[in-house]
Amino acid sequence: NHSGEPSMLPFQPGQIFINASPVFNDFSVGPNSNNPCRSQVITVSATLVDFYGENIDNGALQLTAIGAGLADPPPDPSWDPNWVQITNSQGQAVWYIEYPIQLCPKTEPQTCPTEDNDCTLCDYDEFSSSVWVDLIFPVQTQSNQLEVTLMRSGGECENCP
């Protein structure tokens, strides 16, 4: 960003650094307060730097998170809920995502009791979501991939499939 001054060097592709918090969600322990059938809100942040280590503003970054949706409502009401975000003057962009409980289905539905709807007696599959960010403008670059692990230990099946 060169403090708002034009760069003396041509843009050289650099890197996108991403992190997510949290990277683990148990639907039975930390449900979303707005919707118990969704994960807690996960914040994904990215920083775009060029080859020289300078933060790059106005870069168009696109988030991919397998199985996720944008948080509704987002924890920051001023945030624009869009899969493509534009980096700020520090080269950063933020997304708020959440996952549906259906990504962790019953492992063996036929062995789960149906008469008393006791979900603690069922086993559920875990789900790992790959998360990454692509720079789509001015050139294409991709970040490393993160894994968000989802599990369901039982007991939260009221009003959820």
Protein backbone atom coordinates (compact mmCIF):
# COMPACT_ATOMS: atom_id res chain seq x y z
CA ASN A 1 0.00 0.00 0.00
CA HIS A 2 3.05 2.27 0.27
CA SER A 3 1.25 4.82 2.50
CA GLY A 4 -1.09 5.86 -0.29
CA GLU A 5 1.76 6.71 -2.66
CA PRO A 6 2.20 4.96 -6.02
CA SER A 7 4.46 1.94 -5.90
CA MET A 8 7.90 2.48 -7.35
CA LEU A 9 8.11 -1.24 -8.14
CA PRO A 10 5.77 -3.25 -10.40
CA PHE A 11 3.28 -5.46 -8.56
CA GLN A 12 4.78 -8.88 -7.94
CA PRO A 13 2.47 -11.65 -6.76
CA GLY A 14 2.99 -12.43 -3.12
CA GLN A 15 1.03 -14.44 -0.59
CA ILE A 16 -2.31 -14.62 1.15
CA PHE A 17 -2.16 -15.57 4.80
CA ILE A 18 -5.40 -16.86 6.33
CA ASN A 19 -6.60 -17.96 9.74
CA ALA A 20 -9.90 -19.03 11.20
CA SER A 21 -11.28 -18.97 14.70
CA PRO A 22 -12.47 -21.36 15.91
CA VAL A 23 -11.32 -24.28 13.73
CA PHE A 24 -13.34 -26.87 15.69
CA ASN A 25 -17.08 -26.97 16.35
CA ASP A 26 -19.13 -29.51 18.30
CA PHE A 27 -22.78 -28.80 17.58
CA SER A 28 -23.69 -30.38 20.94
CA VAL A 29 -21.50 -28.03 23.00
CA GLY A 30 -21.39 -24.66 21.26
CA PRO A 31 -24.53 -24.13 19.22
CA ASN A 32 -25.23 -20.89 17.42
CA SER A 33 -27.38 -18.71 19.68
CA ASN A 34 -29.41 -17.52 16.66
CA ASN A 35 -30.00 -21.03 15.29
CA PRO A 36 -29.19 -24.25 17.21
CA CYS A 37 -29.01 -26.18 13.91
CA ARG A 38 -26.03 -24.08 12.74
CA SER A 39 -22.44 -23.97 14.02
CA GLN A 40 -21.14 -21.08 16.04
CA VAL A 41 -19.98 -18.20 13.84
CA ILE A 42 -16.46 -18.75 12.54
CA THR A 43 -14.33 -15.73 11.65
CA VAL A 44 -11.99 -16.17 8.68
CA SER A 45 -9.44 -13.42 8.10
CA ALA A 46 -6.94 -12.99 5.29
CA THR A 47 -3.96 -10.72 4.76
CA LEU A 48 -2.63 -10.01 1.26
CA VAL A 49 1.03 -9.07 0.82
CA ASP A 50 3.12 -8.64 -2.32
CA PHE A 51 6.49 -10.23 -3.11
CA TYR A 52 8.24 -7.47 -1.15
CA GLY A 53 6.16 -8.02 2.02
CA GLU A 54 4.02 -4.90 1.58
CA ASN A 55 0.34 -5.09 2.50
CA ILE A 56 -1.86 -4.72 -0.57
CA ASP A 57 -5.11 -2.76 -0.37
CA ASN A 58 -8.02 -3.00 -2.82
CA GLY A 59 -7.29 -6.63 -3.67
CA ALA A 60 -10.39 -8.71 -4.47
CA LEU A 61 -10.29 -11.85 -2.32
CA GLN A 62 -12.77 -14.71 -2.65
CA LEU A 63 -13.38 -17.18 0.19
CA THR A 64 -14.14 -20.84 -0.45
CA ALA A 65 -15.32 -22.88 2.55
CA ILE A 66 -16.72 -26.32 1.70
CA GLY A 67 -20.21 -26.75 3.20
CA ALA A 68 -20.31 -23.29 4.81
CA GLY A 69 -22.68 -20.40 4.41
CA LEU A 70 -22.26 -16.74 5.25
CA ALA A 71 -23.35 -15.97 8.81
CA ASP A 72 -26.89 -14.66 9.08
CA PRO A 73 -27.00 -12.35 10.89
CA PRO A 74 -23.28 -11.47 10.91
CA PRO A 75 -21.74 -10.51 14.27
CA ASP A 76 -20.62 -7.17 12.77
CA PRO A 77 -23.65 -5.35 11.33
CA SER A 78 -21.40 -3.13 9.18
CA TRP A 79 -19.90 -6.18 7.41
CA ASP A 80 -20.94 -6.75 3.79
CA PRO A 81 -22.08 -10.40 3.57
CA ASN A 82 -20.37 -11.41 0.35
CA TRP A 83 -18.00 -14.24 -0.63
CA VAL A 84 -15.75 -11.63 -2.32
CA GLN A 85 -14.22 -8.99 -0.04
CA ILE A 86 -11.89 -6.09 -0.89
CA THR A 87 -8.77 -5.74 1.26
CA ASN A 88 -8.49 -2.65 3.45
CA SER A 89 -5.44 -0.38 3.79
CA GLN A 90 -3.72 -3.04 5.93
CA GLY A 91 -4.29 -5.67 3.23
CA GLN A 92 -6.91 -7.48 5.33
CA ALA A 93 -10.34 -8.92 4.64
CA VAL A 94 -12.77 -10.73 6.96
CA TRP A 95 -15.63 -13.22 6.51
CA TYR A 96 -18.12 -14.65 9.02
CA ILE A 97 -19.30 -18.17 8.19
CA GLU A 98 -21.34 -20.95 9.76
CA TYR A 99 -22.12 -24.58 8.97
CA PRO A 100 -25.38 -26.57 9.03
CA ILE A 101 -25.71 -29.47 11.47
CA GLN A 102 -26.75 -31.74 8.57
CA LEU A 103 -23.06 -32.03 7.59
CA CYS A 104 -22.71 -34.44 10.55
CA PRO A 105 -25.39 -37.10 9.89
CA LYS A 106 -26.08 -40.18 12.00
CA THR A 107 -23.43 -42.82 11.32
CA GLU A 108 -25.92 -45.71 11.53
CA PRO A 109 -29.46 -44.32 11.62
CA GLN A 110 -30.99 -47.77 12.01
CA THR A 111 -29.31 -48.21 15.42
CA CYS A 112 -30.60 -44.95 16.89
CA PRO A 113 -33.67 -45.11 19.11
CA THR A 114 -36.65 -43.34 17.59
CA GLU A 115 -39.29 -43.71 20.28
CA ASP A 116 -37.78 -41.28 22.82
CA ASN A 117 -35.74 -39.11 20.41
CA ASP A 118 -32.62 -39.49 22.61
CA CYS A 119 -29.83 -38.22 20.34
CA THR A 120 -27.14 -38.96 22.92
CA LEU A 121 -27.50 -42.65 22.03
CA CYS A 122 -26.57 -42.07 18.38
CA ASP A 123 -23.17 -41.80 16.71
CA TYR A 124 -22.56 -39.07 14.17
CA ASP A 125 -20.06 -38.61 11.34
CA GLU A 126 -17.48 -35.85 11.58
CA PHE A 127 -17.01 -33.39 8.71
CA SER A 128 -13.83 -31.57 7.71
CA SER A 129 -14.26 -28.41 5.68
CA SER A 130 -11.40 -27.13 3.55
CA VAL A 131 -11.16 -23.33 3.65
CA TRP A 132 -9.03 -21.14 1.38
CA VAL A 133 -8.90 -17.68 -0.20
CA ASP A 134 -8.16 -16.75 -3.81
CA LEU A 135 -6.93 -13.38 -5.02
CA ILE A 136 -9.06 -12.78 -8.10
CA PHE A 137 -7.84 -9.29 -8.97
CA PRO A 138 -5.25 -7.98 -9.92
CA VAL A 139 -3.67 -11.44 -10.49
CA GLN A 140 -4.55 -14.92 -9.32
CA THR A 141 -2.93 -16.27 -6.16
CA GLN A 142 -4.24 -18.83 -3.67
CA SER A 143 -3.70 -19.08 0.08
CA ASN A 144 -2.85 -22.18 2.04
CA GLN A 145 -5.82 -24.37 3.04
CA LEU A 146 -7.20 -24.59 6.55
CA GLU A 147 -9.38 -27.34 7.93
CA VAL A 148 -12.43 -26.62 10.07
CA THR A 149 -13.57 -29.77 11.87
CA LEU A 150 -17.22 -30.25 12.73
CA MET A 151 -18.60 -32.91 15.04
CA ARG A 152 -21.81 -33.77 16.79
CA SER A 153 -21.60 -35.63 20.09
CA GLY A 154 -25.37 -35.84 20.56
CA GLY A 155 -28.05 -34.22 22.64
CA GLU A 156 -28.89 -31.28 20.35
CA CYS A 157 -31.39 -32.99 18.06
CA GLU A 158 -34.41 -31.03 19.21
CA ASN A 159 -35.83 -29.34 16.11
CA CYS A 160 -32.79 -30.40 14.00
CA PRO A 161 -32.74 -33.28 11.49
